[in-house]
Amino acid sequence: MALLAQQVIALTGTTPTYTAAAASTTVTCGERSFLHVKNTAGSSMTVTLTATGRVRGQLAADLVVTVPATTGDKMIGPLAAELLAGASDGVSAAITYSSTTNVTVANLAI
């Protein structure tokens, strides 16, 4: 899984850079971290963020977000580490996409 570079939004303004979605990626978790997904395909698609957190010993459910077709645009977050950070590094969230055709993403932080 490739780590998407996190882009910090500056007070003076930031023009985010979007990359084509890959089947699976990782992003940096944090209370100020967000994933921006754009879908211009003719069908809706889903983004799944793998949950790693536990509540009373039970694994939390994965976060599944539907992005509408054609002009779909979703901001997902904040990406809380206690819910999404992987055990291998403690800071990266694993993300999969049901489709990557005409889907672009940006990992943003404020």
C-alpha atoms as a PDB file:
ATOM      1  CA  MET A   1       0.000   0.000   0.000  1.00  0.00           C
ATOM      2  CA  ALA A   2       1.339   3.392  -0.966  1.00  0.00           C
ATOM      3  CA  LEU A   3       1.248   6.266   1.521  1.00  0.00           C
ATOM      4  CA  LEU A   4      -0.466   9.369   0.122  1.00  0.00           C
ATOM      5  CA  ALA A   5       1.582  12.468   0.917  1.00  0.00           C
ATOM      6  CA  GLN A   6      -0.218  14.695   3.391  1.00  0.00           C
ATOM      7  CA  GLN A   7      -0.796  18.278   2.269  1.00  0.00           C
ATOM      8  CA  VAL A   8      -1.117  20.876   5.023  1.00  0.00           C
ATOM      9  CA  ILE A   9      -3.611  23.654   4.335  1.00  0.00           C
ATOM     10  CA  ALA A  10      -1.833  26.983   4.793  1.00  0.00           C
ATOM     11  CA  LEU A  11      -3.291  30.221   6.105  1.00  0.00           C
ATOM     12  CA  THR A  12      -2.301  31.855   2.817  1.00  0.00           C
ATOM     13  CA  GLY A  13      -4.207  29.226   0.833  1.00  0.00           C
ATOM     14  CA  THR A  14      -3.459  25.801  -0.583  1.00  0.00           C
ATOM     15  CA  THR A  15      -4.311  24.310  -3.943  1.00  0.00           C
ATOM     16  CA  PRO A  16      -4.498  20.576  -3.217  1.00  0.00           C
ATOM     17  CA  THR A  17      -2.858  18.092  -5.547  1.00  0.00           C
ATOM     18  CA  TYR A  18      -5.072  15.095  -6.339  1.00  0.00           C
ATOM     19  CA  THR A  19      -3.745  11.710  -7.390  1.00  0.00           C
ATOM     20  CA  ALA A  20      -5.496   8.835  -9.110  1.00  0.00           C
ATOM     21  CA  ALA A  21      -6.892   6.382  -6.575  1.00  0.00           C
ATOM     22  CA  ALA A  22      -5.092   3.057  -6.307  1.00  0.00           C
ATOM     23  CA  ALA A  23      -6.847  -0.137  -5.189  1.00  0.00           C
ATOM     24  CA  SER A  24      -5.450   0.381  -1.690  1.00  0.00           C
ATOM     25  CA  THR A  25      -3.508   3.195  -0.050  1.00  0.00           C
ATOM     26  CA  THR A  26      -2.636   4.520   3.374  1.00  0.00           C
ATOM     27  CA  VAL A  27      -2.936   8.010   4.795  1.00  0.00           C
ATOM     28  CA  THR A  28      -1.583   9.667   7.920  1.00  0.00           C
ATOM     29  CA  CYS A  29      -4.053   9.664  10.809  1.00  0.00           C
ATOM     30  CA  GLY A  30      -4.684  12.610  13.092  1.00  0.00           C
ATOM     31  CA  GLU A  31      -7.392  14.799  14.534  1.00  0.00           C
ATOM     32  CA  ARG A  32      -6.670  17.332  11.767  1.00  0.00           C
ATOM     33  CA  SER A  33      -6.309  14.839   8.907  1.00  0.00           C
ATOM     34  CA  PHE A  34      -8.913  14.358   6.172  1.00  0.00           C
ATOM     35  CA  LEU A  35      -9.299  12.397   2.956  1.00  0.00           C
ATOM     36  CA  HIS A  36     -10.896  14.208   0.001  1.00  0.00           C
ATOM     37  CA  VAL A  37     -12.331  11.864  -2.637  1.00  0.00           C
ATOM     38  CA  LYS A  38     -13.656  12.980  -6.031  1.00  0.00           C
ATOM     39  CA  ASN A  39     -15.586  10.617  -8.315  1.00  0.00           C
ATOM     40  CA  THR A  40     -16.377  11.585 -11.903  1.00  0.00           C
ATOM     41  CA  ALA A  41     -17.289   8.054 -13.026  1.00  0.00           C
ATOM     42  CA  GLY A  42     -20.810   7.172 -14.116  1.00  0.00           C
ATOM     43  CA  SER A  43     -21.354   4.962 -11.047  1.00  0.00           C
ATOM     44  CA  SER A  44     -21.122   5.583  -7.341  1.00  0.00           C
ATOM     45  CA  MET A  45     -18.282   3.912  -5.460  1.00  0.00           C
ATOM     46  CA  THR A  46     -17.316   3.221  -1.865  1.00  0.00           C
ATOM     47  CA  VAL A  47     -14.281   4.103   0.191  1.00  0.00           C
ATOM     48  CA  THR A  48     -13.500   1.766   3.098  1.00  0.00           C
ATOM     49  CA  LEU A  49     -11.254   2.836   5.957  1.00  0.00           C
ATOM     50  CA  THR A  50     -10.162  -0.183   7.983  1.00  0.00           C
ATOM     51  CA  ALA A  51     -10.942   0.215  11.673  1.00  0.00           C
ATOM     52  CA  THR A  52      -8.293  -0.954  14.133  1.00  0.00           C
ATOM     53  CA  GLY A  53      -9.742   0.548  17.323  1.00  0.00           C
ATOM     54  CA  ARG A  54     -11.569  -1.403  19.980  1.00  0.00           C
ATOM     55  CA  VAL A  55     -14.536  -0.562  22.169  1.00  0.00           C
ATOM     56  CA  ARG A  56     -14.866  -2.737  25.290  1.00  0.00           C
ATOM     57  CA  GLY A  57     -12.623  -5.298  23.657  1.00  0.00           C
ATOM     58  CA  GLN A  58     -14.622  -5.499  20.426  1.00  0.00           C
ATOM     59  CA  LEU A  59     -13.135  -4.352  17.124  1.00  0.00           C
ATOM     60  CA  ALA A  60     -14.866  -1.224  15.819  1.00  0.00           C
ATOM     61  CA  ALA A  61     -16.629  -1.453  12.465  1.00  0.00           C
ATOM     62  CA  ASP A  62     -14.855  -0.280   9.325  1.00  0.00           C
ATOM     63  CA  LEU A  63     -15.896   3.136   8.060  1.00  0.00           C
ATOM     64  CA  VAL A  64     -17.568   2.805   4.643  1.00  0.00           C
ATOM     65  CA  VAL A  65     -18.400   5.991   2.719  1.00  0.00           C
ATOM     66  CA  THR A  66     -20.350   6.093  -0.553  1.00  0.00           C
ATOM     67  CA  VAL A  67     -19.189   8.676  -3.071  1.00  0.00           C
ATOM     68  CA  PRO A  68     -21.925   9.551  -5.606  1.00  0.00           C
ATOM     69  CA  ALA A  69     -21.486   9.199  -9.364  1.00  0.00           C
ATOM     70  CA  THR A  70     -20.485  11.910 -11.828  1.00  0.00           C
ATOM     71  CA  THR A  71     -19.919  14.876  -9.502  1.00  0.00           C
ATOM     72  CA  GLY A  72     -19.291  12.912  -6.307  1.00  0.00           C
ATOM     73  CA  ASP A  73     -17.177  14.783  -3.809  1.00  0.00           C
ATOM     74  CA  LYS A  74     -16.644  13.666  -0.189  1.00  0.00           C
ATOM     75  CA  MET A  75     -14.475  14.992   2.625  1.00  0.00           C
ATOM     76  CA  ILE A  76     -13.852  12.163   5.101  1.00  0.00           C
ATOM     77  CA  GLY A  77     -12.481  12.801   8.557  1.00  0.00           C
ATOM     78  CA  PRO A  78     -11.037  13.657  10.898  1.00  0.00           C
ATOM     79  CA  LEU A  79      -9.082  10.419  10.632  1.00  0.00           C
ATOM     80  CA  ALA A  80      -8.696   9.611  14.322  1.00  0.00           C
ATOM     81  CA  ALA A  81      -5.654   7.463  15.119  1.00  0.00           C
ATOM     82  CA  GLU A  82      -7.429   5.637  17.960  1.00  0.00           C
ATOM     83  CA  LEU A  83      -9.963   4.333  15.429  1.00  0.00           C
ATOM     84  CA  LEU A  84      -7.918   3.881  12.239  1.00  0.00           C
ATOM     85  CA  ALA A  85      -4.139   3.700  12.874  1.00  0.00           C
ATOM     86  CA  GLY A  86      -2.538   0.436  11.842  1.00  0.00           C
ATOM     87  CA  ALA A  87      -0.577  -1.667  14.315  1.00  0.00           C
ATOM     88  CA  SER A  88       2.577  -1.691  12.161  1.00  0.00           C
ATOM     89  CA  ASP A  89       3.347   2.020  12.549  1.00  0.00           C
ATOM     90  CA  GLY A  90       0.572   3.477  14.718  1.00  0.00           C
ATOM     91  CA  VAL A  91      -0.072   6.427  12.383  1.00  0.00           C
ATOM     92  CA  SER A  92      -1.280   5.162   8.990  1.00  0.00           C
ATOM     93  CA  ALA A  93      -4.864   4.268   8.072  1.00  0.00           C
ATOM     94  CA  ALA A  94      -5.525   1.579   5.437  1.00  0.00           C
ATOM     95  CA  ILE A  95      -7.981   2.561   2.708  1.00  0.00           C
ATOM     96  CA  THR A  96      -9.527   0.583  -0.139  1.00  0.00           C
ATOM     97  CA  TYR A  97     -11.723   1.770  -3.014  1.00  0.00           C
ATOM     98  CA  SER A  98     -14.471  -0.252  -4.701  1.00  0.00           C
ATOM     99  CA  SER A  99     -13.507   1.410  -7.980  1.00  0.00           C
ATOM    100  CA  THR A 100     -10.569   3.548  -9.034  1.00  0.00           C
ATOM    101  CA  THR A 101     -11.780   4.564 -12.483  1.00  0.00           C
ATOM    102  CA  ASN A 102     -12.120   8.360 -12.618  1.00  0.00           C
ATOM    103  CA  VAL A 103     -11.491   8.644  -8.867  1.00  0.00           C
ATOM    104  CA  THR A 104      -8.941  11.068  -7.435  1.00  0.00           C
ATOM    105  CA  VAL A 105      -7.893  11.595  -3.825  1.00  0.00           C
ATOM    106  CA  ALA A 106      -5.983  14.023  -1.624  1.00  0.00           C
ATOM    107  CA  ASN A 107      -4.735  13.582   1.948  1.00  0.00           C
ATOM    108  CA  LEU A 108      -5.239  16.951   3.648  1.00  0.00           C
ATOM    109  CA  ALA A 109      -4.496  18.351   7.096  1.00  0.00           C
ATOM    110  CA  ILE A 110      -5.460  21.602   8.776  1.00  0.00           C
END
